[in-house]
Amino acid sequence: VSNTLYRWSLRGQPTDSIVLSVTTRRGARPDRIEELLRDPSKGAALGFQWSVPMLVSPLSGDRAAVIFYDPTLVKGQYQGPSFAQVVDWRQHRSCTDVALPVPEDTPTRFAIRGDTLVAVVQHPSGPDGVSSWIVRWRFGARCFKGSESLN
């Protein structure tokens, strides 16, 4: 579900995969998947009990970034933290997942171009409006030496 990242090739090469570390995000919940298969009527209650991959994008240097969301249903609305994780296909390693400093109560939209992560963040601004701002982070290579994956 969200603890492994797979890569396929159109050239007929074998499928490659990397196990993603889970430290701050929830990760996959195989026990919940088995329970959902036994009783599909629990779909709404069990649907978001694990990290949901929201965006996967290639980065430079044979790396990829994955953005996860850990939603919880609160008063009929999903909310929760977002996380970024970088994998290096050449070294077959993944960085520690890093919590992104974005609001948990409104959905954040993400995009990646090159080695830059962009987020459109919304928040209430007064009695009848919502304002948005754009935040950028640059993915660094330091995470493979024990640091976090975003600068």
N, C-alpha and C. Protein backbone atom coordinates (compact mmCIF):
# COMPACT_ATOMS: atom_id res chain seq x y z
N VAL A 1 0.84 -1.19 0.00
CA VAL A 1 0.00 0.00 0.00
C VAL A 1 0.88 1.24 0.00
N SER A 2 1.56 1.54 1.10
CA SER A 2 2.39 2.75 1.10
C SER A 2 3.69 2.55 1.87
N ASN A 3 4.16 1.33 1.95
CA ASN A 3 5.46 1.08 2.58
C ASN A 3 6.50 0.62 1.57
N THR A 4 6.12 0.51 0.32
CA THR A 4 7.06 0.09 -0.73
C THR A 4 6.81 0.93 -1.98
N LEU A 5 7.88 1.35 -2.63
CA LEU A 5 7.79 2.08 -3.88
C LEU A 5 8.32 1.18 -4.98
N TYR A 6 7.54 1.03 -6.06
CA TYR A 6 7.92 0.15 -7.17
C TYR A 6 8.27 0.98 -8.39
N ARG A 7 9.17 0.41 -9.23
CA ARG A 7 9.54 1.06 -10.49
C ARG A 7 9.54 0.00 -11.58
N TRP A 8 8.79 0.29 -12.63
CA TRP A 8 8.72 -0.61 -13.79
C TRP A 8 9.44 0.04 -14.95
N SER A 9 9.90 -0.78 -15.87
CA SER A 9 10.58 -0.29 -17.06
C SER A 9 9.86 -0.81 -18.29
N LEU A 10 9.78 0.02 -19.31
CA LEU A 10 9.18 -0.39 -20.57
C LEU A 10 10.12 -1.27 -21.38
N ARG A 11 11.37 -1.36 -20.96
CA ARG A 11 12.37 -2.16 -21.71
C ARG A 11 12.38 -3.61 -21.30
N GLY A 12 11.43 -4.02 -20.46
CA GLY A 12 11.36 -5.42 -20.07
C GLY A 12 12.29 -5.81 -18.94
N GLN A 13 12.89 -4.83 -18.28
CA GLN A 13 13.76 -5.14 -17.15
C GLN A 13 12.89 -5.55 -15.96
N PRO A 14 13.47 -6.28 -15.02
CA PRO A 14 12.69 -6.68 -13.85
C PRO A 14 12.19 -5.47 -13.05
N THR A 15 11.09 -5.66 -12.35
CA THR A 15 10.54 -4.62 -11.49
C THR A 15 11.50 -4.37 -10.33
N ASP A 16 11.71 -3.11 -10.02
CA ASP A 16 12.57 -2.72 -8.92
C ASP A 16 11.69 -2.17 -7.80
N SER A 17 12.09 -2.35 -6.54
CA SER A 17 11.30 -1.82 -5.43
C SER A 17 12.22 -1.41 -4.29
N ILE A 18 11.73 -0.46 -3.49
CA ILE A 18 12.44 0.01 -2.31
C ILE A 18 11.44 0.06 -1.17
N VAL A 19 11.82 -0.50 -0.04
CA VAL A 19 10.98 -0.41 1.15
C VAL A 19 11.17 0.98 1.75
N LEU A 20 10.06 1.68 1.99
CA LEU A 20 10.11 3.03 2.53
C LEU A 20 10.09 2.97 4.06
N SER A 21 11.00 3.68 4.67
CA SER A 21 11.02 3.70 6.13
C SER A 21 9.78 4.42 6.66
N VAL A 22 9.30 3.99 7.81
CA VAL A 22 8.14 4.60 8.45
C VAL A 22 8.56 4.99 9.85
N THR A 23 8.68 6.31 10.09
CA THR A 23 9.07 6.77 11.42
C THR A 23 8.04 7.73 11.99
N THR A 24 7.66 8.75 11.22
CA THR A 24 6.70 9.73 11.73
C THR A 24 5.30 9.55 11.16
N ARG A 25 5.19 9.07 9.94
CA ARG A 25 3.86 8.84 9.36
C ARG A 25 3.35 7.47 9.79
N ARG A 26 2.08 7.18 9.51
CA ARG A 26 1.48 5.92 9.95
C ARG A 26 1.98 4.71 9.17
N GLY A 27 2.24 4.89 7.89
CA GLY A 27 2.62 3.75 7.07
C GLY A 27 1.42 2.91 6.71
N ALA A 28 1.67 1.74 6.15
CA ALA A 28 0.61 0.83 5.73
C ALA A 28 0.10 0.05 6.93
N ARG A 29 -1.14 -0.32 6.88
CA ARG A 29 -1.76 -1.11 7.95
C ARG A 29 -2.30 -2.41 7.36
N PRO A 30 -1.45 -3.41 7.14
CA PRO A 30 -1.91 -4.66 6.54
C PRO A 30 -3.06 -5.32 7.30
N ASP A 31 -3.10 -5.17 8.63
CA ASP A 31 -4.18 -5.76 9.40
C ASP A 31 -5.53 -5.14 9.03
N ARG A 32 -5.53 -3.85 8.72
CA ARG A 32 -6.76 -3.17 8.31
C ARG A 32 -7.21 -3.64 6.93
N ILE A 33 -6.27 -3.90 6.05
CA ILE A 33 -6.61 -4.37 4.71
C ILE A 33 -7.28 -5.74 4.80
N GLU A 34 -6.72 -6.61 5.64
CA GLU A 34 -7.32 -7.94 5.81
C GLU A 34 -8.73 -7.82 6.41
N GLU A 35 -8.90 -6.91 7.35
CA GLU A 35 -10.22 -6.71 7.95
C GLU A 35 -11.21 -6.16 6.92
N LEU A 36 -10.76 -5.28 6.06
CA LEU A 36 -11.62 -4.72 5.01
C LEU A 36 -12.04 -5.81 4.02
N LEU A 37 -11.13 -6.73 3.71
CA LEU A 37 -11.47 -7.83 2.80
C LEU A 37 -12.49 -8.78 3.44
N ARG A 38 -12.39 -8.98 4.76
CA ARG A 38 -13.35 -9.83 5.46
C ARG A 38 -14.72 -9.18 5.55
N ASP A 39 -14.77 -7.85 5.73
CA ASP A 39 -16.03 -7.15 5.91
C ASP A 39 -16.01 -5.83 5.12
N PRO A 40 -16.37 -5.87 3.82
CA PRO A 40 -16.33 -4.66 2.98
C PRO A 40 -17.24 -3.53 3.48
N SER A 41 -18.22 -3.83 4.33
CA SER A 41 -19.11 -2.77 4.83
C SER A 41 -18.35 -1.78 5.71
N LYS A 42 -17.15 -2.13 6.16
CA LYS A 42 -16.35 -1.23 7.00
C LYS A 42 -15.49 -0.28 6.15
N GLY A 43 -15.74 -0.23 4.86
CA GLY A 43 -14.92 0.57 3.95
C GLY A 43 -14.76 2.02 4.37
N ALA A 44 -15.86 2.68 4.73
CA ALA A 44 -15.79 4.10 5.10
C ALA A 44 -14.97 4.29 6.38
N ALA A 45 -15.14 3.40 7.34
CA ALA A 45 -14.44 3.53 8.61
C ALA A 45 -12.96 3.19 8.49
N LEU A 46 -12.63 2.24 7.62
CA LEU A 46 -11.24 1.78 7.51
C LEU A 46 -10.50 2.41 6.33
N GLY A 47 -11.18 3.18 5.52
CA GLY A 47 -10.60 3.68 4.28
C GLY A 47 -9.34 4.49 4.44
N PHE A 48 -9.23 5.24 5.51
CA PHE A 48 -8.07 6.11 5.68
C PHE A 48 -7.42 5.87 7.03
N GLN A 49 -6.94 4.65 7.25
CA GLN A 49 -6.26 4.31 8.48
C GLN A 49 -4.75 4.19 8.27
N TRP A 50 -4.27 4.61 7.12
CA TRP A 50 -2.84 4.50 6.84
C TRP A 50 -2.40 5.68 6.00
N SER A 51 -1.12 5.79 5.79
CA SER A 51 -0.57 6.87 4.97
C SER A 51 -1.01 6.69 3.53
N VAL A 52 -1.48 7.77 2.94
CA VAL A 52 -1.95 7.75 1.56
C VAL A 52 -0.92 8.48 0.69
N PRO A 53 -0.34 7.79 -0.31
CA PRO A 53 0.58 8.50 -1.21
C PRO A 53 -0.22 9.46 -2.09
N MET A 54 0.14 10.74 -2.05
CA MET A 54 -0.57 11.77 -2.81
C MET A 54 0.17 12.18 -4.08
N LEU A 55 1.49 12.03 -4.08
CA LEU A 55 2.28 12.47 -5.22
C LEU A 55 3.59 11.68 -5.25
N VAL A 56 3.93 11.17 -6.41
CA VAL A 56 5.23 10.51 -6.63
C VAL A 56 5.86 11.20 -7.83
N SER A 57 7.11 11.62 -7.70
CA SER A 57 7.73 12.36 -8.79
C SER A 57 9.23 12.06 -8.84
N PRO A 58 9.78 11.93 -10.06
CA PRO A 58 11.23 11.74 -10.17
C PRO A 58 11.96 13.03 -9.79
N LEU A 59 13.14 12.87 -9.21
CA LEU A 59 14.04 13.98 -8.91
C LEU A 59 15.33 13.75 -9.70
N SER A 60 16.27 14.66 -9.57
CA SER A 60 17.55 14.48 -10.25
C SER A 60 18.35 13.36 -9.60
N GLY A 61 19.30 12.84 -10.33
CA GLY A 61 20.24 11.86 -9.77
C GLY A 61 19.62 10.51 -9.46
N ASP A 62 18.66 10.05 -10.24
CA ASP A 62 18.03 8.75 -10.04
C ASP A 62 17.36 8.64 -8.67
N ARG A 63 16.76 9.75 -8.23
CA ARG A 63 16.00 9.77 -6.99
C ARG A 63 14.54 10.03 -7.30
N ALA A 64 13.69 9.79 -6.31
CA ALA A 64 12.26 10.08 -6.45
C ALA A 64 11.76 10.62 -5.11
N ALA A 65 10.71 11.42 -5.17
CA ALA A 65 10.09 11.96 -3.95
C ALA A 65 8.66 11.43 -3.88
N VAL A 66 8.23 11.15 -2.66
CA VAL A 66 6.86 10.71 -2.41
C VAL A 66 6.28 11.63 -1.35
N ILE A 67 5.09 12.15 -1.60
CA ILE A 67 4.38 12.97 -0.63
C ILE A 67 3.22 12.13 -0.09
N PHE A 68 3.14 12.01 1.23
CA PHE A 68 2.10 11.21 1.89
C PHE A 68 1.16 12.12 2.68
N TYR A 69 -0.04 11.61 2.93
CA TYR A 69 -1.05 12.29 3.74
C TYR A 69 -1.58 11.27 4.73
N ASP A 70 -1.67 11.65 6.00
CA ASP A 70 -2.22 10.78 7.05
C ASP A 70 -3.56 11.33 7.50
N PRO A 71 -4.62 11.10 6.72
CA PRO A 71 -5.91 11.72 7.04
C PRO A 71 -6.67 11.00 8.15
N THR A 72 -7.47 11.77 8.86
CA THR A 72 -8.40 11.28 9.86
C THR A 72 -9.72 11.99 9.61
N LEU A 73 -10.81 11.27 9.73
CA LEU A 73 -12.13 11.87 9.53
C LEU A 73 -12.55 12.57 10.82
N VAL A 74 -12.68 13.91 10.74
CA VAL A 74 -13.07 14.72 11.89
C VAL A 74 -14.26 15.58 11.49
N LYS A 75 -15.40 15.34 12.10
CA LYS A 75 -16.63 16.10 11.83
C LYS A 75 -16.95 16.13 10.34
N GLY A 76 -16.84 14.98 9.71
CA GLY A 76 -17.19 14.86 8.29
C GLY A 76 -16.16 15.39 7.32
N GLN A 77 -14.98 15.77 7.80
CA GLN A 77 -13.94 16.30 6.93
C GLN A 77 -12.62 15.62 7.24
N TYR A 78 -11.88 15.28 6.19
CA TYR A 78 -10.57 14.67 6.40
C TYR A 78 -9.55 15.75 6.72
N GLN A 79 -8.71 15.47 7.71
CA GLN A 79 -7.60 16.36 8.03
C GLN A 79 -6.47 15.54 8.61
N GLY A 80 -5.27 16.07 8.49
CA GLY A 80 -4.11 15.37 9.03
C GLY A 80 -2.82 15.91 8.45
N PRO A 81 -1.71 15.41 8.95
CA PRO A 81 -0.40 15.89 8.52
C PRO A 81 0.03 15.32 7.17
N SER A 82 0.94 16.03 6.54
CA SER A 82 1.55 15.60 5.28
C SER A 82 3.04 15.35 5.50
N PHE A 83 3.60 14.43 4.73
CA PHE A 83 4.99 14.04 4.89
C PHE A 83 5.67 13.94 3.53
N ALA A 84 6.97 14.17 3.49
CA ALA A 84 7.78 13.99 2.29
C ALA A 84 8.83 12.92 2.57
N GLN A 85 9.14 12.17 1.52
CA GLN A 85 10.17 11.14 1.64
C GLN A 85 10.89 11.04 0.30
N VAL A 86 12.20 10.88 0.37
CA VAL A 86 13.02 10.76 -0.83
C VAL A 86 13.64 9.37 -0.86
N VAL A 87 13.66 8.78 -2.06
CA VAL A 87 14.32 7.49 -2.23
C VAL A 87 15.43 7.63 -3.28
N ASP A 88 16.45 6.84 -3.12
CA ASP A 88 17.56 6.81 -4.07
C ASP A 88 17.58 5.43 -4.70
N TRP A 89 17.24 5.36 -5.97
CA TRP A 89 17.17 4.05 -6.65
C TRP A 89 18.54 3.42 -6.78
N ARG A 90 19.57 4.23 -6.98
CA ARG A 90 20.92 3.68 -7.15
C ARG A 90 21.42 3.01 -5.88
N GLN A 91 21.19 3.65 -4.73
CA GLN A 91 21.66 3.10 -3.45
C GLN A 91 20.62 2.21 -2.78
N HIS A 92 19.43 2.13 -3.33
CA HIS A 92 18.32 1.36 -2.75
C HIS A 92 18.10 1.73 -1.28
N ARG A 93 17.97 3.05 -1.04
CA ARG A 93 17.73 3.54 0.31
C ARG A 93 16.64 4.59 0.28
N SER A 94 15.97 4.75 1.42
CA SER A 94 14.98 5.82 1.54
C SER A 94 15.34 6.69 2.73
N CYS A 95 15.03 7.96 2.62
CA CYS A 95 15.25 8.90 3.73
C CYS A 95 14.18 8.67 4.78
N THR A 96 14.42 9.22 5.94
CA THR A 96 13.41 9.27 6.98
C THR A 96 12.28 10.18 6.50
N ASP A 97 11.04 9.79 6.74
CA ASP A 97 9.93 10.64 6.34
C ASP A 97 9.93 11.91 7.18
N VAL A 98 9.68 13.04 6.53
CA VAL A 98 9.75 14.35 7.17
C VAL A 98 8.36 14.99 7.14
N ALA A 99 7.88 15.44 8.30
CA ALA A 99 6.59 16.13 8.36
C ALA A 99 6.72 17.49 7.67
N LEU A 100 5.75 17.81 6.83
CA LEU A 100 5.74 19.09 6.14
C LEU A 100 4.97 20.12 6.97
N PRO A 101 5.50 21.31 7.13
CA PRO A 101 4.84 22.33 7.94
C PRO A 101 3.70 23.02 7.20
N VAL A 102 2.63 22.27 6.97
CA VAL A 102 1.44 22.81 6.32
C VAL A 102 0.24 22.56 7.24
N PRO A 103 -0.82 23.37 7.15
CA PRO A 103 -1.99 23.18 8.02
C PRO A 103 -2.60 21.79 7.83
N GLU A 104 -3.07 21.22 8.93
CA GLU A 104 -3.68 19.89 8.88
C GLU A 104 -5.19 19.95 8.63
N ASP A 105 -5.79 21.12 8.85
CA ASP A 105 -7.25 21.20 8.76
C ASP A 105 -7.79 21.52 7.37
N THR A 106 -6.93 21.88 6.43
CA THR A 106 -7.35 22.10 5.05
C THR A 106 -6.41 21.35 4.13
N PRO A 107 -6.93 20.76 3.06
CA PRO A 107 -6.07 20.00 2.14
C PRO A 107 -5.04 20.91 1.47
N THR A 108 -3.85 20.40 1.33
CA THR A 108 -2.77 21.12 0.67
C THR A 108 -2.51 20.47 -0.68
N ARG A 109 -2.30 21.27 -1.70
CA ARG A 109 -1.98 20.77 -3.03
C ARG A 109 -0.47 20.88 -3.24
N PHE A 110 0.12 19.80 -3.75
CA PHE A 110 1.57 19.75 -3.94
C PHE A 110 1.91 19.51 -5.40
N ALA A 111 3.08 20.02 -5.80
CA ALA A 111 3.65 19.76 -7.12
C ALA A 111 5.17 19.73 -6.97
N ILE A 112 5.82 18.97 -7.84
CA ILE A 112 7.28 18.90 -7.82
C ILE A 112 7.78 19.20 -9.22
N ARG A 113 8.77 20.07 -9.28
CA ARG A 113 9.44 20.36 -10.54
C ARG A 113 10.93 20.40 -10.25
N GLY A 114 11.69 19.59 -10.97
CA GLY A 114 13.12 19.50 -10.68
C GLY A 114 13.30 18.94 -9.27
N ASP A 115 14.02 19.65 -8.42
CA ASP A 115 14.23 19.25 -7.03
C ASP A 115 13.48 20.16 -6.07
N THR A 116 12.42 20.81 -6.54
CA THR A 116 11.66 21.75 -5.72
C THR A 116 10.24 21.25 -5.49
N LEU A 117 9.84 21.22 -4.24
CA LEU A 117 8.47 20.89 -3.85
C LEU A 117 7.72 22.20 -3.63
N VAL A 118 6.55 22.32 -4.26
CA VAL A 118 5.73 23.51 -4.14
C VAL A 118 4.40 23.11 -3.52
N ALA A 119 3.93 23.90 -2.56
CA ALA A 119 2.64 23.63 -1.92
C ALA A 119 1.78 24.88 -2.00
N VAL A 120 0.51 24.69 -2.34
CA VAL A 120 -0.48 25.77 -2.27
C VAL A 120 -1.22 25.55 -0.96
N VAL A 121 -1.03 26.45 -0.03
CA VAL A 121 -1.56 26.31 1.32
C VAL A 121 -2.70 27.31 1.50
N GLN A 122 -3.82 26.85 2.03
CA GLN A 122 -4.97 27.73 2.27
C GLN A 122 -5.24 27.84 3.77
N HIS A 123 -5.77 28.97 4.15
CA HIS A 123 -6.19 29.15 5.52
C HIS A 123 -7.31 30.19 5.56
N PRO A 124 -8.19 30.11 6.56
CA PRO A 124 -9.26 31.10 6.68
C PRO A 124 -8.68 32.48 6.98
N SER A 125 -9.25 33.48 6.35
CA SER A 125 -8.78 34.85 6.60
C SER A 125 -9.99 35.76 6.76
N GLY A 126 -10.58 35.70 7.92
CA GLY A 126 -11.74 36.54 8.16
C GLY A 126 -13.02 35.73 8.10
N PRO A 127 -14.13 36.40 8.28
CA PRO A 127 -15.41 35.70 8.39
C PRO A 127 -15.91 35.05 7.09
N ASP A 128 -15.50 35.54 5.94
CA ASP A 128 -16.07 34.99 4.71
C ASP A 128 -15.03 34.71 3.63
N GLY A 129 -13.80 34.56 3.98
CA GLY A 129 -12.80 34.37 2.94
C GLY A 129 -11.75 33.34 3.28
N VAL A 130 -11.05 32.94 2.26
CA VAL A 130 -9.93 32.02 2.40
C VAL A 130 -8.78 32.64 1.62
N SER A 131 -7.62 32.67 2.22
CA SER A 131 -6.46 33.16 1.49
C SER A 131 -5.51 31.99 1.25
N SER A 132 -4.70 32.12 0.24
CA SER A 132 -3.75 31.07 -0.14
C SER A 132 -2.36 31.66 -0.25
N TRP A 133 -1.38 30.83 0.01
CA TRP A 133 -0.02 31.24 -0.26
C TRP A 133 0.75 30.04 -0.80
N ILE A 134 1.84 30.32 -1.47
CA ILE A 134 2.67 29.27 -2.09
C ILE A 134 3.96 29.14 -1.28
N VAL A 135 4.29 27.91 -0.93
CA VAL A 135 5.50 27.61 -0.17
C VAL A 135 6.37 26.69 -1.00
N ARG A 136 7.69 26.92 -0.96
CA ARG A 136 8.62 26.08 -1.71
C ARG A 136 9.69 25.51 -0.80
N TRP A 137 10.07 24.28 -1.08
CA TRP A 137 11.20 23.64 -0.42
C TRP A 137 12.06 22.99 -1.50
N ARG A 138 13.33 22.90 -1.25
CA ARG A 138 14.24 22.23 -2.18
C ARG A 138 14.70 20.92 -1.55
N PHE A 139 14.59 19.85 -2.33
CA PHE A 139 15.06 18.54 -1.86
C PHE A 139 16.58 18.53 -1.92
N GLY A 140 17.21 18.10 -0.82
CA GLY A 140 18.66 17.98 -0.77
C GLY A 140 19.07 16.52 -0.72
N ALA A 141 20.35 16.28 -0.83
CA ALA A 141 20.87 14.91 -0.77
C ALA A 141 21.35 14.55 0.62
N ARG A 142 21.22 15.46 1.60
CA ARG A 142 21.77 15.23 2.94
C ARG A 142 21.09 14.09 3.67
N CYS A 143 19.88 13.75 3.32
CA CYS A 143 19.16 12.74 4.10
C CYS A 143 19.87 11.40 4.11
N PHE A 144 20.71 11.15 3.16
CA PHE A 144 21.39 9.87 3.12
C PHE A 144 22.62 9.86 4.02
N LYS A 145 22.87 10.98 4.68
CA LYS A 145 23.94 11.05 5.67
C LYS A 145 23.36 11.25 7.07
N GLY A 146 22.05 11.02 7.24
CA GLY A 146 21.44 11.09 8.55
C GLY A 146 20.63 12.35 8.80
N SER A 147 20.62 13.31 7.88
CA SER A 147 19.84 14.52 8.08
C SER A 147 18.45 14.36 7.47
N GLU A 148 17.64 15.39 7.61
CA GLU A 148 16.32 15.35 7.03
C GLU A 148 16.40 15.58 5.53
N SER A 149 15.29 15.25 4.83
CA SER A 149 15.33 15.25 3.38
C SER A 149 14.96 16.57 2.73
N LEU A 150 14.56 17.58 3.49
CA LEU A 150 14.23 18.86 2.89
C LEU A 150 15.13 19.94 3.46
N ASN A 151 15.50 20.88 2.62
CA ASN A 151 16.28 22.04 3.08
C ASN A 151 15.33 23.17 3.38
